[in-house]
Each structure stands twice: as C-alpha cells, then as structure tokens.
C-alpha cells in the first residue's frame, strides 16, 4: 500500500507546479513524471513529450509497469470524507470505451473545452501511444445492473490498496468480464472532456487506437457525490450594500439567522428555490430567487431550458457578474469547494465577497448534456478525483 501510494497522482489538470514537485519527489516512478513531463535543461520545452515516451519505455523494460496477459476490467473503490464530515465510498469500473467524438451521441459532454490543454494532451498521446490516465463517465444504470455487478466484486479482498490525499483506494482485477453488463448508451462525461476529445482526435490519426480508458460509475452508486464550487471574489469596491437595490429586483434578500450553519441553511432555503449566500466581512445574506422571474429575457441566460434551470447559471448571471462589475479594480475569482474555506477567505484572507451555492444534481448534468448544451465553467465538482497511475492502457 505504501509504495503504490507513492506512485499515483491526481489528474493532470488539478496539479500545480508545487504539487507536481512534491509528487515527483515521492518516487522516481510516480506517474507525474510521465503525465506532466519536464524537458531537461538545455532542451526545448516540447522535448518533454519525448522524455515521457522514453520514461514509459524504460519502466516497461525494467518491469515497473507490467502488462496483463489478457484483457481485464478493474474495479475501483474510493473511501472519502465530504466537507460536511459525512463518509462515503464511490465505486466504479475501469474499462475501454469507444473514442468516437460526440456526433454519435453515445458519449455526451456538459463542458466547453479549450484548445491549449487538448494540444498538450494530444502531443503526449502521440509520443507515448498510451492512455496515461482515464476519463470519468457516468452511466444512468436505472436498473442498477452495473452497480450490482461492481458491488459483487467489492465483496472480495482487493488486489491492491493505496491512499491519495486522504482518500483510501482499493482495486480489484476482474479477469472475467462476463458478469459486467455493457452500460447502455449514452454515457455522460463527469470529468475528462479534454482527454476524451484528445483520444477521439488521435483515433482519427490512428484508427487502431479507437478506444480510451474510462472509469465508469453508476449514477445509482450511493457514494456518488457532486460538490458546488463556491465563488470567492477579490477586489476593492464590491460592498454588498451598493448591490442590494439591483439584487432586490430578482431576489428576496434575508439576513442569515444568528447561529445558523450557512451550508445547512442554504440547503434548506434552496430546496425548492434557486438560492445562494453572499458574504462580506460584516454579514451573510441569503438571496432567494422570486417565483415567476422571467429569466429567459436575460441575454446571459439565452441557452437551453436545461441550463436556465441551473442554480449555478442563474447565480452566475444575476449575482456573480454583478459583483465582478461593481468595483473599479480588476476582480480576481477563485473557485473553492469547501464553504468554510470560502468564508474564511472573506473574513481573514482579504477577499471582498464569497458566493456560496448548492450543488448541481446529476440529473441536471444529464439534462444539459441531452440538450446538447454546456454548463457555465465550474458548475460541477465530482469528488473524489479519479487517481492517475493505477491503470494505464497501451494503444498498440
């Protein structure tokens, strides 16, 4: 367990330079050396992709990586604790799915992607011809067939254990895949849009590499968790008092009751209404969207009904954008999953305001994807992240 824990890492896109250095120092074989390679001194930056390929080849030759003699599925369980203190276990299965883009509608996205990360991941894929990490898919699984098959495997002793950032990891190798039902399409991307689009682009170049490694989790899994991503805004001139007249056009504005837990209060008032909490250094306000608000008249909410129905889209348009435009200084926005951390940044960290949201539901993710639309940035935060380095998939 201890050695494997030193070899794995979070997904590439949540690792900053400091964490990359920490992971690299854990072990010379930590997956970050290949996943986020660095060019040696004196060589151009693009040489890092060749470095990754050379490392991967050397690890295979030395037996650091061992290829299974026959195709297999890999069941993953992650034991984790939510910011609320609740403990959960999320289970899924690593498998290979078709990398065919979005046109067939068998894989459905909910996020907009950017060219830079895709170019970087495509260059790495070309150099290594290996899925270094997986994407994360959700299967509706309304009959629970997938969830039940995964649960049956987890009743036995795991083949491997590890821990990453406080999350306990267990892995089972299912050498007989027959008990696993093939999830009916569509499948929905929870995380890994850039990686899926990159794999699909690579499949156009190399038709033999037409599949991509994915962790598939049942939407019926009791451990499936989506956190909200709260907005913390820095910049002078954003006092709540100045914005109340504007917000009062759309919201009923209430003071947070004395002694109330902010997260529990927000969940309560937002059960049947769009709601958020807005905090500055002196107070916390609850904003409850009035029934019958004509949101379709707002240009910033001109997307599909599925998007207009999202709390995060409404709050982004009516609250966050108002805060961003209120001051004369250029604002900085930070995205924080822990409400207590967000409020602390306002009270003691120099932030001007924090906007706390309720989480987006999984059925809302499906609705937006089914509508062919995309959510605002940072609308979902699936926890925990899928570890990289447990399972790799060669494409040749």
Protein backbone atom coordinates (compact mmCIF):
# COMPACT_ATOMS: atom_id res chain seq x y z
CA UNK A 1 0.00 0.00 0.00
CA UNK A 2 2.73 2.46 0.97
CA UNK A 3 4.70 2.00 -2.28
CA UNK A 4 1.63 2.24 -4.53
CA UNK A 5 0.57 5.39 -2.70
CA UNK A 6 3.86 6.98 -3.75
CA UNK A 7 3.30 6.11 -7.41
CA UNK A 8 -0.13 7.60 -8.09
CA UNK A 9 -1.34 11.18 -8.50
CA UNK A 10 -4.46 13.28 -9.06
CA UNK A 11 -5.47 14.09 -12.67
CA UNK A 12 -3.03 16.31 -14.53
CA UNK A 13 -5.30 19.34 -14.66
CA UNK A 14 -5.59 19.81 -10.90
CA UNK A 15 -1.84 19.64 -10.20
CA UNK A 16 0.00 22.93 -9.86
CA UNK A 17 3.77 23.34 -10.08
CA UNK A 18 4.27 22.94 -6.33
CA UNK A 19 2.26 19.74 -6.09
CA UNK A 20 3.96 18.36 -9.18
CA UNK A 21 7.33 18.83 -7.47
CA UNK A 22 6.06 17.14 -4.31
CA UNK A 23 4.69 14.16 -6.22
CA UNK A 24 7.86 13.82 -8.29
CA UNK A 25 9.93 13.78 -5.10
CA UNK A 26 7.88 10.94 -3.63
CA UNK A 27 9.28 8.36 -6.03
CA UNK A 28 11.21 8.30 -9.30
CA UNK A 29 8.39 6.19 -10.71
CA UNK A 30 5.49 8.44 -9.71
CA UNK A 31 3.15 8.73 -12.68
CA UNK A 32 3.53 12.53 -12.67
CA UNK A 33 6.94 12.10 -14.32
CA UNK A 34 5.13 10.77 -17.42
CA UNK A 35 1.81 12.57 -17.07
CA UNK A 36 3.39 16.02 -16.65
CA UNK A 37 6.89 15.52 -18.05
CA UNK A 38 9.60 18.15 -17.89
CA UNK A 39 12.22 18.85 -20.53
CA UNK A 40 15.84 18.54 -19.34
CA UNK A 41 17.87 21.73 -19.07
CA UNK A 42 19.11 22.88 -22.44
CA UNK A 43 16.36 21.14 -24.42
CA UNK A 44 13.29 22.88 -25.88
CA UNK A 45 10.01 22.65 -23.95
CA UNK A 46 8.46 20.29 -26.50
CA UNK A 47 11.17 17.75 -25.70
CA UNK A 48 9.17 16.86 -22.60
CA UNK A 49 6.92 14.59 -24.67
CA UNK A 50 9.89 12.53 -25.85
CA UNK A 51 11.05 12.38 -22.24
CA UNK A 52 7.68 10.90 -21.25
CA UNK A 53 7.90 8.29 -24.00
CA UNK A 54 11.46 7.36 -23.00
CA UNK A 55 10.49 7.01 -19.35
CA UNK A 56 7.47 4.89 -20.15
CA UNK A 57 9.56 2.59 -22.34
CA UNK A 58 12.22 2.25 -19.65
CA UNK A 59 9.62 1.46 -16.97
CA UNK A 60 8.20 -1.31 -19.14
CA UNK A 61 11.62 -2.79 -19.82
CA UNK A 62 12.52 -2.77 -16.12
CA UNK A 63 9.21 -4.26 -15.02
CA UNK A 64 8.00 -1.14 -13.23
CA UNK A 65 4.89 -1.45 -15.40
CA UNK A 66 3.56 -4.94 -16.09
CA UNK A 67 1.12 -5.64 -18.89
CA UNK A 68 -1.70 -8.03 -18.01
CA UNK A 69 -1.53 -11.15 -20.19
CA UNK A 70 -5.20 -10.89 -21.13
CA UNK A 71 -7.79 -8.10 -21.23
CA UNK A 72 -9.34 -7.34 -17.85
CA UNK A 73 -11.60 -4.89 -16.08
CA UNK A 74 -10.51 -3.10 -12.91
CA UNK A 75 -12.94 -2.22 -10.13
CA UNK A 76 -12.09 0.82 -8.03
CA UNK A 77 -13.46 1.81 -4.61
CA UNK A 78 -12.60 5.17 -3.06
CA UNK A 79 -13.37 5.84 0.61
CA UNK A 80 -13.55 9.57 1.31
CA UNK A 81 -14.94 12.23 3.60
CA UNK A 82 -17.06 15.15 2.43
CA UNK A 83 -16.51 18.68 3.79
CA UNK A 84 -19.65 18.08 5.89
CA UNK A 85 -17.87 15.21 7.65
CA UNK A 86 -20.02 12.51 6.01
CA UNK A 87 -18.06 9.44 4.89
CA UNK A 88 -18.80 7.77 1.58
CA UNK A 89 -17.47 5.09 -0.74
CA UNK A 90 -17.70 5.55 -4.51
CA UNK A 91 -17.21 2.53 -6.75
CA UNK A 92 -16.63 2.22 -10.47
CA UNK A 93 -15.01 0.07 -13.13
CA UNK A 94 -12.10 0.90 -15.43
CA UNK A 95 -12.87 -0.18 -18.99
CA UNK A 96 -12.12 0.87 -22.57
CA UNK A 97 -14.83 2.83 -24.38
CA UNK A 98 -15.07 3.98 -27.98
CA UNK A 99 -13.23 7.23 -28.72
CA UNK A 100 -15.53 8.50 -31.44
CA UNK A 101 -16.26 12.11 -30.61
CA UNK A 102 -19.69 13.43 -29.74
CA UNK A 103 -21.51 13.14 -33.05
CA UNK A 104 -22.87 9.60 -32.45
CA UNK A 105 -24.23 10.91 -29.10
CA UNK A 106 -23.11 7.77 -27.28
CA UNK A 107 -20.75 9.87 -25.15
CA UNK A 108 -22.21 13.22 -24.07
CA UNK A 109 -20.38 16.28 -22.69
CA UNK A 110 -21.54 19.10 -20.44
CA UNK A 111 -18.47 21.38 -20.56
CA UNK A 112 -16.77 23.55 -23.13
CA UNK A 113 -13.14 22.68 -23.79
CA UNK A 114 -10.10 24.77 -24.73
CA UNK A 115 -7.52 24.29 -27.45
CA UNK A 116 -4.38 24.60 -25.30
CA UNK A 117 -4.93 21.60 -22.99
CA UNK A 118 -6.06 19.44 -25.93
CA UNK A 119 -2.91 20.27 -27.91
CA UNK A 120 -0.78 19.37 -24.89
CA UNK A 121 -2.55 16.06 -24.23
CA UNK A 122 -2.51 15.14 -27.95
CA UNK A 123 1.24 15.67 -28.13
CA UNK A 124 1.69 13.41 -25.09
CA UNK A 125 -0.62 10.78 -26.56
CA UNK A 126 1.25 10.79 -29.87
CA UNK A 127 4.57 10.36 -28.08
CA UNK A 128 3.52 7.62 -25.65
CA UNK A 129 0.69 5.82 -27.50
CA UNK A 130 -0.75 5.15 -24.04
CA UNK A 131 -3.72 6.29 -22.01
CA UNK A 132 -1.71 7.62 -19.07
CA UNK A 133 -4.90 8.37 -17.13
CA UNK A 134 -8.61 7.79 -17.54
CA UNK A 135 -11.67 9.86 -18.19
CA UNK A 136 -14.63 9.64 -15.77
CA UNK A 137 -18.03 8.59 -17.15
CA UNK A 138 -21.46 8.26 -15.57
CA UNK A 139 -23.90 5.54 -16.62
CA UNK A 140 -27.62 6.18 -15.87
CA UNK A 141 -27.90 2.46 -14.90
CA UNK A 142 -31.57 2.76 -13.97
CA UNK A 143 -31.88 -0.99 -13.37
CA UNK A 144 -28.74 -0.96 -11.19
CA UNK A 145 -27.23 -3.81 -13.22
CA UNK A 146 -23.81 -2.13 -13.37
CA UNK A 147 -23.90 -1.04 -9.73
CA UNK A 148 -24.79 -4.56 -8.61
CA UNK A 149 -22.01 -6.15 -10.71
CA UNK A 150 -19.43 -3.76 -9.26
CA UNK A 151 -20.73 -4.34 -5.72
CA UNK A 152 -20.36 -8.09 -6.13
CA UNK A 153 -16.66 -7.73 -6.98
CA UNK A 154 -16.00 -5.48 -3.99
CA UNK A 155 -17.14 -8.19 -1.59
CA UNK A 156 -13.82 -9.96 -2.09
CA UNK A 157 -10.33 -8.97 -0.97
CA UNK A 158 -8.80 -6.24 -3.14
CA UNK A 159 -5.74 -6.90 -5.26
CA UNK A 160 -4.19 -3.56 -4.32
CA UNK A 161 -4.59 -0.75 -1.80
CA UNK A 162 -3.34 2.82 -1.75
CA UNK A 163 -4.10 6.26 -0.37
CA UNK A 164 -4.07 9.63 -2.10
CA UNK A 165 -4.80 12.97 -0.44
CA UNK A 166 -6.70 11.32 2.39
CA UNK A 167 -8.77 9.09 0.09
CA UNK A 168 -8.41 5.34 0.69
CA UNK A 169 -8.22 3.35 -2.55
CA UNK A 170 -8.96 -0.32 -3.21
CA UNK A 171 -8.56 -2.03 -6.59
CA UNK A 172 -9.79 -5.41 -7.85
CA UNK A 173 -8.74 -7.07 -11.12
CA UNK A 174 -11.74 -8.70 -12.83
CA UNK A 175 -10.17 -11.14 -15.26
CA UNK A 176 -13.57 -12.48 -16.28
CA UNK A 177 -15.54 -9.52 -17.60
CA UNK A 178 -18.66 -11.55 -18.43
CA UNK A 179 -20.61 -10.66 -15.25
CA UNK A 180 -20.42 -6.97 -16.14
CA UNK A 181 -23.33 -5.67 -18.23
CA UNK A 182 -22.36 -3.36 -21.07
CA UNK A 183 -23.79 0.01 -19.99
CA UNK A 184 -26.37 1.20 -22.47
CA UNK A 185 -25.53 4.45 -24.19
CA UNK A 186 -25.50 7.29 -23.66
CA UNK A 187 -22.70 7.69 -21.14
CA UNK A 188 -22.01 11.13 -19.70
CA UNK A 189 -18.63 12.73 -19.08
CA UNK A 190 -18.26 13.73 -15.45
CA UNK A 191 -14.60 14.66 -15.79
CA UNK A 192 -12.07 14.45 -18.62
CA UNK A 193 -13.64 16.33 -21.54
CA UNK A 194 -10.23 17.40 -22.86
CA UNK A 195 -8.87 13.86 -22.60
CA UNK A 196 -11.86 12.34 -24.40
CA UNK A 197 -11.69 14.84 -27.25
CA UNK A 198 -7.94 14.27 -27.48
CA UNK A 199 -8.41 10.50 -27.65
CA UNK A 200 -11.04 10.95 -30.36
CA UNK A 201 -8.69 13.18 -32.36
CA UNK A 202 -5.89 10.63 -32.01
CA UNK A 203 -8.23 7.87 -33.21
CA UNK A 204 -8.70 9.84 -36.44
CA UNK A 205 -4.92 9.67 -36.96
CA UNK A 206 -4.55 6.09 -35.76
CA UNK A 207 -7.74 4.02 -36.29
CA UNK A 208 -6.27 1.16 -34.26
CA UNK A 209 -6.33 3.41 -31.18
CA UNK A 210 -10.08 3.89 -31.23
CA UNK A 211 -10.73 3.34 -27.53
CA UNK A 212 -9.94 5.29 -24.39
CA UNK A 213 -9.56 4.25 -20.77
CA UNK A 214 -12.53 5.30 -18.65
CA UNK A 215 -13.74 4.88 -15.10
CA UNK A 216 -17.47 4.20 -15.38
CA UNK A 217 -19.55 4.91 -12.29
CA UNK A 218 -23.23 4.13 -11.96
CA UNK A 219 -25.45 7.15 -11.37
CA UNK A 220 -27.18 4.92 -8.81
CA UNK A 221 -23.98 4.49 -6.77
CA UNK A 222 -24.68 5.64 -3.22
CA UNK A 223 -21.22 7.17 -2.95
CA UNK A 224 -21.55 9.42 -5.99
CA UNK A 225 -21.03 12.99 -4.80
CA UNK A 226 -21.10 16.37 -6.52
CA UNK A 227 -19.95 19.42 -4.60
CA UNK A 228 -20.73 23.02 -5.51
CA UNK A 229 -17.87 25.27 -6.48
CA UNK A 230 -18.24 28.49 -4.49
CA UNK A 231 -17.04 31.81 -5.91
CA UNK A 232 -14.63 33.94 -3.90
CA UNK A 233 -14.06 37.43 -5.32
CA UNK A 234 -11.11 39.70 -4.64
CA UNK A 235 -11.05 43.41 -5.50
CA UNK A 236 -12.00 46.67 -3.84
CA UNK A 237 -15.31 48.48 -4.30
CA UNK A 238 -17.62 45.50 -4.04
CA UNK A 239 -19.63 46.30 -0.92
CA UNK A 240 -22.90 44.39 -0.70
CA UNK A 241 -24.86 47.50 0.30
CA UNK A 242 -24.31 49.02 -3.14
CA UNK A 243 -25.63 45.92 -4.89
CA UNK A 244 -28.74 45.29 -2.80
CA UNK A 245 -31.05 47.51 -4.91
CA UNK A 246 -30.12 45.56 -8.03
CA UNK A 247 -30.43 42.15 -6.38
CA UNK A 248 -33.77 43.10 -4.85
CA UNK A 249 -35.23 43.25 -8.36
CA UNK A 250 -34.85 39.47 -8.61
CA UNK A 251 -34.42 38.10 -5.11
CA UNK A 252 -35.92 38.15 -1.67
CA UNK A 253 -32.94 39.17 0.47
CA UNK A 254 -32.69 37.82 4.01
CA UNK A 255 -30.09 38.01 6.75
CA UNK A 256 -28.63 34.65 7.73
CA UNK A 257 -30.25 33.78 11.08
CA UNK A 258 -27.95 34.12 14.07
CA UNK A 259 -26.19 30.86 14.89
CA UNK A 260 -27.35 29.15 11.70
CA UNK A 261 -25.00 26.82 9.86
CA UNK A 262 -24.53 28.50 6.45
CA UNK A 263 -24.39 25.29 4.39
CA UNK A 264 -27.41 23.70 6.09
CA UNK A 265 -29.38 26.94 5.84
CA UNK A 266 -28.59 27.26 2.14
CA UNK A 267 -29.63 23.67 1.50
CA UNK A 268 -32.90 24.30 3.34
CA UNK A 269 -33.91 27.54 1.61
CA UNK A 270 -32.68 26.23 -1.75
CA UNK A 271 -34.64 23.01 -1.64
CA UNK A 272 -37.46 24.41 -3.78
CA UNK A 273 -35.96 27.70 -4.98
CA UNK A 274 -32.79 28.97 -6.56
CA UNK A 275 -30.82 30.43 -3.67
CA UNK A 276 -27.32 31.45 -2.71
CA UNK A 277 -25.49 33.03 0.19
CA UNK A 278 -23.42 36.18 -0.30
CA UNK A 279 -20.92 37.09 2.39
CA UNK A 280 -18.65 40.01 3.06
CA UNK A 281 -16.66 40.78 6.22
CA UNK A 282 -19.69 42.05 8.14
CA UNK A 283 -22.58 39.77 7.24
CA UNK A 284 -24.01 36.85 5.29
CA UNK A 285 -27.12 37.36 3.17
CA UNK A 286 -29.43 34.73 1.72
CA UNK A 287 -30.75 35.53 -1.76
CA UNK A 288 -33.89 33.61 -2.77
CA UNK A 289 -34.97 33.95 -6.39
CA UNK A 290 -38.59 35.03 -6.64
CA UNK A 291 -41.06 32.68 -8.31
CA UNK A 292 -42.03 33.70 -11.82
CA UNK A 293 -38.81 35.57 -12.57
CA UNK A 294 -38.64 35.96 -16.37
CA UNK A 295 -35.12 34.63 -16.77
CA UNK A 296 -35.50 33.83 -20.46
CA UNK A 297 -35.43 37.58 -21.14
CA UNK A 298 -31.86 37.85 -19.92
CA UNK A 299 -29.30 37.63 -22.78
CA UNK A 300 -26.85 35.90 -20.43
CA UNK A 301 -29.41 33.12 -19.88
CA UNK A 302 -30.32 32.57 -23.51
CA UNK A 303 -29.24 28.94 -23.52
CA UNK A 304 -31.48 25.88 -23.34
CA UNK A 305 -34.09 25.46 -20.65
CA UNK A 306 -31.82 22.83 -19.07
CA UNK A 307 -29.14 25.48 -18.50
CA UNK A 308 -31.58 28.21 -17.44
CA UNK A 309 -32.86 25.83 -14.77
CA UNK A 310 -29.43 25.53 -13.16
CA UNK A 311 -28.87 27.41 -9.91
CA UNK A 312 -25.26 27.99 -10.91
CA UNK A 313 -26.24 29.59 -14.24
CA UNK A 314 -28.78 31.88 -12.59
CA UNK A 315 -26.47 32.87 -9.74
CA UNK A 316 -23.56 33.41 -12.12
CA UNK A 317 -25.66 35.79 -14.24
CA UNK A 318 -27.58 37.66 -11.54
CA UNK A 319 -25.16 37.70 -8.60
CA UNK A 320 -21.56 36.91 -9.52
CA UNK A 321 -21.46 39.10 -12.63
CA UNK A 322 -22.91 41.98 -10.64
CA UNK A 323 -20.15 41.59 -8.07
CA UNK A 324 -17.47 41.39 -10.74
CA UNK A 325 -18.67 44.57 -12.40
CA UNK A 326 -19.22 46.58 -9.24
CA UNK A 327 -15.70 47.78 -8.47
CA UNK A 328 -13.19 49.88 -10.30
CA UNK A 329 -10.35 47.39 -9.77
CA UNK A 330 -9.89 44.26 -11.88
CA UNK A 331 -11.52 41.38 -10.00
CA UNK A 332 -9.96 38.02 -9.28
CA UNK A 333 -12.20 34.98 -8.83
CA UNK A 334 -11.15 31.85 -7.00
CA UNK A 335 -13.20 28.67 -7.00
CA UNK A 336 -13.45 26.79 -3.71
CA UNK A 337 -15.33 23.57 -2.94
CA UNK A 338 -15.33 23.97 0.85
CA UNK A 339 -17.82 26.59 2.11
CA UNK A 340 -15.93 27.11 5.37
CA UNK A 341 -12.74 27.82 3.43
CA UNK A 342 -14.59 30.29 1.20
CA UNK A 343 -15.99 32.19 4.18
CA UNK A 344 -12.59 32.20 5.89
CA UNK A 345 -11.06 33.79 2.80
CA UNK A 346 -13.53 36.67 3.24
CA UNK A 347 -13.09 37.03 6.99
CA UNK A 348 -9.33 36.65 7.15
CA UNK A 349 -7.93 36.23 3.64
CA UNK A 350 -8.56 39.61 2.10
CA UNK A 351 -11.39 38.59 -0.23
CA UNK A 352 -14.16 41.11 -0.86
CA UNK A 353 -17.03 38.65 -1.04
CA UNK A 354 -17.96 34.99 -1.35
CA UNK A 355 -20.94 33.50 -3.16
CA UNK A 356 -22.00 30.10 -1.81
CA UNK A 357 -24.09 27.77 -3.96
CA UNK A 358 -25.94 24.49 -3.62
CA UNK A 359 -24.57 21.58 -5.68
CA UNK A 360 -25.73 20.76 -9.19
CA UNK A 361 -27.64 17.47 -9.30
CA UNK A 362 -26.56 14.57 -11.51
CA UNK A 363 -29.93 14.54 -13.31
CA UNK A 364 -29.30 18.20 -14.23
CA UNK A 365 -25.92 17.23 -15.71
CA UNK A 366 -27.72 14.64 -17.83
CA UNK A 367 -30.41 17.13 -18.90
CA UNK A 368 -27.86 19.71 -20.10
CA UNK A 369 -25.89 17.06 -21.98
CA UNK A 370 -29.05 15.65 -23.54
CA UNK A 371 -29.96 19.16 -24.70
CA UNK A 372 -26.58 19.43 -26.43
CA UNK A 373 -25.71 22.44 -24.28
CA UNK A 374 -22.86 23.22 -21.88
CA UNK A 375 -22.84 24.46 -18.30
CA UNK A 376 -21.10 27.58 -17.03
CA UNK A 377 -17.49 26.95 -16.00
CA UNK A 378 -17.02 25.33 -12.60
CA UNK A 379 -20.60 24.09 -12.36
CA UNK A 380 -19.76 20.63 -11.06
CA UNK A 381 -17.07 19.22 -8.81
CA UNK A 382 -17.22 15.45 -8.64
CA UNK A 383 -15.32 14.12 -5.64
CA UNK A 384 -13.01 12.42 -5.19
CA UNK A 385 -10.87 12.81 -8.29
CA UNK A 386 -10.01 9.62 -10.17
CA UNK A 387 -6.39 8.68 -9.37
CA UNK A 388 -3.87 8.52 -12.20
CA UNK A 389 -1.27 5.77 -12.32
CA UNK A 390 -3.34 2.83 -11.03
CA UNK A 391 -4.21 1.59 -14.52
CA UNK A 392 -2.62 2.60 -17.83
CA UNK A 393 -3.78 1.42 -21.24
CA UNK A 394 -1.32 0.96 -24.13
CA UNK A 395 -2.80 1.73 -27.53
CA UNK A 396 -0.58 -0.62 -29.52
